[in-house]
Amino acid sequence: MKMTGTVYYKKFDIGWLRLESLDGAIIKVDYVDEAGESDAPDKVIEQCVRELEEYFNGGRKSFDVKINPDVSGTPFQQSVWKQLRMIPYGETISYKTLAERISGSNYSRAVANANGKNPISIIIPCHRVIASNNQLGGYTGGLDRKKLLLSVEGRS
């Protein structure tokens, strides 16, 4: 059964984002190539847009908007997304370190896969995870977007 909520498209410096809310929480922030048909933004989407604008303007280091990534994903993916939210603004960690924090061993590939399935980009900061050799690694939104997000946080 597919859940339907409010869907809203907004263009930011990073490009178009598709924002989706359900039951008073953001459940999705995705990169898209162009805007689709938008619903009128509800209160949580309005808050999300405002906070994202503040983030891109350098005035916000954390997000207060209510999110609920738990409507999708396996328990393991949800544990990865929870750990991602603990990475401080302006800092990066490796996939290996993230894996060690979650499972106590080296499940770097599984963690990288879960990282790529993050339903709430930017707010759940999967862009802060890099390869052990300090290379950027991959990013679902593309490496240019990852570089932009890290430069917003002073880590270019």
C-alpha atoms as a PDB file:
ATOM      1  CA  MET A   1       0.000   0.000   0.000  1.00  0.00           C
ATOM      2  CA  LYS A   2       1.525   3.314  -1.089  1.00  0.00           C
ATOM      3  CA  MET A   3       1.280   6.190   1.340  1.00  0.00           C
ATOM      4  CA  THR A   4       0.476   9.579  -0.102  1.00  0.00           C
ATOM      5  CA  GLY A   5       1.337  12.853   1.482  1.00  0.00           C
ATOM      6  CA  THR A   6       2.052  16.349   0.287  1.00  0.00           C
ATOM      7  CA  VAL A   7       4.593  16.667  -2.532  1.00  0.00           C
ATOM      8  CA  TYR A   8       6.275  19.989  -3.240  1.00  0.00           C
ATOM      9  CA  TYR A   9       9.069  20.973  -5.634  1.00  0.00           C
ATOM     10  CA  LYS A  10      11.470  23.819  -4.889  1.00  0.00           C
ATOM     11  CA  LYS A  11      14.609  25.017  -6.636  1.00  0.00           C
ATOM     12  CA  PHE A  12      17.611  25.799  -4.445  1.00  0.00           C
ATOM     13  CA  ASP A  13      21.245  26.633  -5.278  1.00  0.00           C
ATOM     14  CA  ILE A  14      21.868  22.901  -5.451  1.00  0.00           C
ATOM     15  CA  GLY A  15      19.053  22.354  -7.983  1.00  0.00           C
ATOM     16  CA  TRP A  16      15.509  21.066  -7.789  1.00  0.00           C
ATOM     17  CA  LEU A  17      14.417  19.181  -4.680  1.00  0.00           C
ATOM     18  CA  ARG A  18      11.272  17.111  -4.281  1.00  0.00           C
ATOM     19  CA  LEU A  19      10.000  17.431  -0.713  1.00  0.00           C
ATOM     20  CA  GLU A  20       7.372  15.078   0.638  1.00  0.00           C
ATOM     21  CA  SER A  21       5.554  15.166   3.955  1.00  0.00           C
ATOM     22  CA  LEU A  22       3.184  12.768   5.636  1.00  0.00           C
ATOM     23  CA  ASP A  23       1.397  13.136   8.966  1.00  0.00           C
ATOM     24  CA  GLY A  24       3.265  16.320   9.936  1.00  0.00           C
ATOM     25  CA  ALA A  25       6.791  15.091   9.138  1.00  0.00           C
ATOM     26  CA  ILE A  26       9.159  15.205   6.182  1.00  0.00           C
ATOM     27  CA  ILE A  27       9.537  11.713   4.745  1.00  0.00           C
ATOM     28  CA  LYS A  28      11.519  12.503   1.591  1.00  0.00           C
ATOM     29  CA  VAL A  29      13.971  15.052   0.207  1.00  0.00           C
ATOM     30  CA  ASP A  30      15.130  13.945  -3.241  1.00  0.00           C
ATOM     31  CA  TYR A  31      17.103  15.514  -6.052  1.00  0.00           C
ATOM     32  CA  VAL A  32      15.166  15.802  -9.315  1.00  0.00           C
ATOM     33  CA  ASP A  33      16.066  17.218 -12.732  1.00  0.00           C
ATOM     34  CA  GLU A  34      12.997  19.414 -12.957  1.00  0.00           C
ATOM     35  CA  ALA A  35       9.864  20.303 -11.048  1.00  0.00           C
ATOM     36  CA  GLY A  36       6.859  18.070 -11.229  1.00  0.00           C
ATOM     37  CA  GLU A  37       3.331  18.879 -10.207  1.00  0.00           C
ATOM     38  CA  SER A  38       3.333  20.362  -6.710  1.00  0.00           C
ATOM     39  CA  ASP A  39       0.704  20.305  -4.031  1.00  0.00           C
ATOM     40  CA  ALA A  40       0.319  23.462  -1.971  1.00  0.00           C
ATOM     41  CA  PRO A  41       3.017  23.298   0.727  1.00  0.00           C
ATOM     42  CA  ASP A  42       1.784  22.295   4.145  1.00  0.00           C
ATOM     43  CA  LYS A  43       3.259  23.734   7.361  1.00  0.00           C
ATOM     44  CA  VAL A  44       6.016  21.139   7.679  1.00  0.00           C
ATOM     45  CA  ILE A  45       7.106  21.643   4.066  1.00  0.00           C
ATOM     46  CA  GLU A  46       7.093  25.428   4.578  1.00  0.00           C
ATOM     47  CA  GLN A  47       9.340  24.932   7.616  1.00  0.00           C
ATOM     48  CA  CYS A  48      11.580  22.557   5.644  1.00  0.00           C
ATOM     49  CA  VAL A  49      11.952  25.078   2.780  1.00  0.00           C
ATOM     50  CA  ARG A  50      12.771  27.871   5.238  1.00  0.00           C
ATOM     51  CA  GLU A  51      15.380  25.743   7.038  1.00  0.00           C
ATOM     52  CA  LEU A  52      16.979  24.578   3.783  1.00  0.00           C
ATOM     53  CA  GLU A  53      17.224  28.195   2.582  1.00  0.00           C
ATOM     54  CA  GLU A  54      18.854  29.150   5.898  1.00  0.00           C
ATOM     55  CA  TYR A  55      21.267  26.206   5.560  1.00  0.00           C
ATOM     56  CA  PHE A  56      22.309  27.187   2.034  1.00  0.00           C
ATOM     57  CA  ASN A  57      22.755  30.802   3.146  1.00  0.00           C
ATOM     58  CA  GLY A  58      25.108  29.674   5.927  1.00  0.00           C
ATOM     59  CA  GLY A  59      22.744  30.563   8.750  1.00  0.00           C
ATOM     60  CA  ARG A  60      21.714  27.069   9.866  1.00  0.00           C
ATOM     61  CA  LYS A  61      23.921  24.243  11.104  1.00  0.00           C
ATOM     62  CA  SER A  62      21.187  21.799  12.173  1.00  0.00           C
ATOM     63  CA  PHE A  63      17.586  21.149  11.234  1.00  0.00           C
ATOM     64  CA  ASP A  64      14.599  21.352  13.533  1.00  0.00           C
ATOM     65  CA  VAL A  65      11.937  20.246  11.060  1.00  0.00           C
ATOM     66  CA  LYS A  66      10.285  16.984  12.082  1.00  0.00           C
ATOM     67  CA  ILE A  67      11.396  14.083   9.908  1.00  0.00           C
ATOM     68  CA  ASN A  68      10.314  10.474   9.687  1.00  0.00           C
ATOM     69  CA  PRO A  69      12.643   8.335   7.570  1.00  0.00           C
ATOM     70  CA  ASP A  70      11.259   5.240   9.265  1.00  0.00           C
ATOM     71  CA  VAL A  71       8.373   4.968   6.813  1.00  0.00           C
ATOM     72  CA  SER A  72      10.848   3.363   4.419  1.00  0.00           C
ATOM     73  CA  GLY A  73      13.931   1.267   4.824  1.00  0.00           C
ATOM     74  CA  THR A  74      15.025  -1.814   6.664  1.00  0.00           C
ATOM     75  CA  PRO A  75      16.008  -1.754  10.337  1.00  0.00           C
ATOM     76  CA  PHE A  76      19.682  -1.773   9.267  1.00  0.00           C
ATOM     77  CA  GLN A  77      19.162   1.185   6.904  1.00  0.00           C
ATOM     78  CA  GLN A  78      17.327   3.051   9.648  1.00  0.00           C
ATOM     79  CA  SER A  79      20.260   2.454  12.028  1.00  0.00           C
ATOM     80  CA  VAL A  80      22.632   3.919   9.419  1.00  0.00           C
ATOM     81  CA  TRP A  81      20.387   6.963   8.911  1.00  0.00           C
ATOM     82  CA  LYS A  82      20.256   7.489  12.683  1.00  0.00           C
ATOM     83  CA  GLN A  83      24.068   7.444  12.875  1.00  0.00           C
ATOM     84  CA  LEU A  84      24.318   9.880   9.944  1.00  0.00           C
ATOM     85  CA  ARG A  85      22.349  12.434  11.950  1.00  0.00           C
ATOM     86  CA  MET A  86      25.045  12.293  14.646  1.00  0.00           C
ATOM     87  CA  ILE A  87      27.830  13.504  12.322  1.00  0.00           C
ATOM     88  CA  PRO A  88      28.410  17.152  13.285  1.00  0.00           C
ATOM     89  CA  TYR A  89      28.028  19.988  10.809  1.00  0.00           C
ATOM     90  CA  GLY A  90      31.270  20.637   8.945  1.00  0.00           C
ATOM     91  CA  GLU A  91      32.783  17.251   9.790  1.00  0.00           C
ATOM     92  CA  THR A  92      33.231  14.137   7.678  1.00  0.00           C
ATOM     93  CA  ILE A  93      33.766  10.500   8.550  1.00  0.00           C
ATOM     94  CA  SER A  94      34.653   7.463   6.459  1.00  0.00           C
ATOM     95  CA  TYR A  95      32.296   4.677   5.475  1.00  0.00           C
ATOM     96  CA  LYS A  96      34.512   2.358   7.528  1.00  0.00           C
ATOM     97  CA  THR A  97      34.151   4.518  10.659  1.00  0.00           C
ATOM     98  CA  LEU A  98      30.408   4.714  10.139  1.00  0.00           C
ATOM     99  CA  ALA A  99      30.242   0.918   9.788  1.00  0.00           C
ATOM    100  CA  GLU A 100      32.228   0.463  12.989  1.00  0.00           C
ATOM    101  CA  ARG A 101      29.849   2.761  14.872  1.00  0.00           C
ATOM    102  CA  ILE A 102      26.869   0.723  13.748  1.00  0.00           C
ATOM    103  CA  SER A 103      27.982  -2.863  13.838  1.00  0.00           C
ATOM    104  CA  GLY A 104      31.357  -2.860  15.524  1.00  0.00           C
ATOM    105  CA  SER A 105      32.896  -4.374  12.410  1.00  0.00           C
ATOM    106  CA  ASN A 106      33.634  -3.491   8.829  1.00  0.00           C
ATOM    107  CA  TYR A 107      30.388  -3.538   6.858  1.00  0.00           C
ATOM    108  CA  SER A 108      31.485  -0.588   4.737  1.00  0.00           C
ATOM    109  CA  ARG A 109      29.671  -1.744   1.594  1.00  0.00           C
ATOM    110  CA  ALA A 110      26.406  -2.364   3.407  1.00  0.00           C
ATOM    111  CA  VAL A 111      26.707   1.031   5.087  1.00  0.00           C
ATOM    112  CA  ALA A 112      27.494   2.717   1.760  1.00  0.00           C
ATOM    113  CA  ASN A 113      24.453   1.041   0.224  1.00  0.00           C
ATOM    114  CA  ALA A 114      22.209   2.191   3.088  1.00  0.00           C
ATOM    115  CA  ASN A 115      23.748   5.652   2.837  1.00  0.00           C
ATOM    116  CA  GLY A 116      22.735   5.762  -0.835  1.00  0.00           C
ATOM    117  CA  LYS A 117      19.156   4.861   0.075  1.00  0.00           C
ATOM    118  CA  ASN A 118      18.822   7.785   2.495  1.00  0.00           C
ATOM    119  CA  PRO A 119      15.309   9.140   1.848  1.00  0.00           C
ATOM    120  CA  ILE A 120      15.926  12.603   3.333  1.00  0.00           C
ATOM    121  CA  SER A 121      19.000  14.060   1.642  1.00  0.00           C
ATOM    122  CA  ILE A 122      20.797  17.036   3.201  1.00  0.00           C
ATOM    123  CA  ILE A 123      18.770  16.907   6.446  1.00  0.00           C
ATOM    124  CA  ILE A 124      20.101  13.407   7.087  1.00  0.00           C
ATOM    125  CA  PRO A 125      23.673  14.337   6.107  1.00  0.00           C
ATOM    126  CA  CYS A 126      24.848  11.394   4.017  1.00  0.00           C
ATOM    127  CA  HIS A 127      27.082  13.870   2.142  1.00  0.00           C
ATOM    128  CA  ARG A 128      29.362  13.943   5.212  1.00  0.00           C
ATOM    129  CA  VAL A 129      30.539  10.364   4.608  1.00  0.00           C
ATOM    130  CA  ILE A 130      33.683   9.985   2.498  1.00  0.00           C
ATOM    131  CA  ALA A 131      36.084   7.219   1.523  1.00  0.00           C
ATOM    132  CA  SER A 132      38.886   6.178   3.899  1.00  0.00           C
ATOM    133  CA  ASN A 133      41.464   7.746   1.554  1.00  0.00           C
ATOM    134  CA  ASN A 134      39.736  11.151   1.993  1.00  0.00           C
ATOM    135  CA  GLN A 135      38.276  10.993  -1.517  1.00  0.00           C
ATOM    136  CA  LEU A 136      34.628  11.979  -1.797  1.00  0.00           C
ATOM    137  CA  GLY A 137      33.370   8.532  -2.740  1.00  0.00           C
ATOM    138  CA  GLY A 138      29.927   8.401  -4.301  1.00  0.00           C
ATOM    139  CA  TYR A 139      26.792  10.417  -3.775  1.00  0.00           C
ATOM    140  CA  THR A 140      23.291   9.705  -5.008  1.00  0.00           C
ATOM    141  CA  GLY A 141      22.848  13.369  -5.949  1.00  0.00           C
ATOM    142  CA  GLY A 142      26.157  13.421  -7.850  1.00  0.00           C
ATOM    143  CA  LEU A 143      29.632  14.476  -6.766  1.00  0.00           C
ATOM    144  CA  ASP A 144      29.095  18.132  -7.755  1.00  0.00           C
ATOM    145  CA  ARG A 145      26.232  18.340  -5.279  1.00  0.00           C
ATOM    146  CA  LYS A 146      28.273  16.585  -2.591  1.00  0.00           C
ATOM    147  CA  LYS A 147      31.102  19.096  -3.138  1.00  0.00           C
ATOM    148  CA  LEU A 148      28.622  21.980  -2.895  1.00  0.00           C
ATOM    149  CA  LEU A 149      27.134  20.680   0.351  1.00  0.00           C
ATOM    150  CA  LEU A 150      30.563  20.179   1.895  1.00  0.00           C
ATOM    151  CA  SER A 151      31.629  23.683   0.788  1.00  0.00           C
ATOM    152  CA  VAL A 152      28.478  25.142   2.386  1.00  0.00           C
ATOM    153  CA  GLU A 153      29.729  23.527   5.606  1.00  0.00           C
ATOM    154  CA  GLY A 154      33.289  24.770   5.084  1.00  0.00           C
ATOM    155  CA  ARG A 155      34.707  21.385   4.013  1.00  0.00           C
ATOM    156  CA  SER A 156      35.445  21.752   0.293  1.00  0.00           C
END
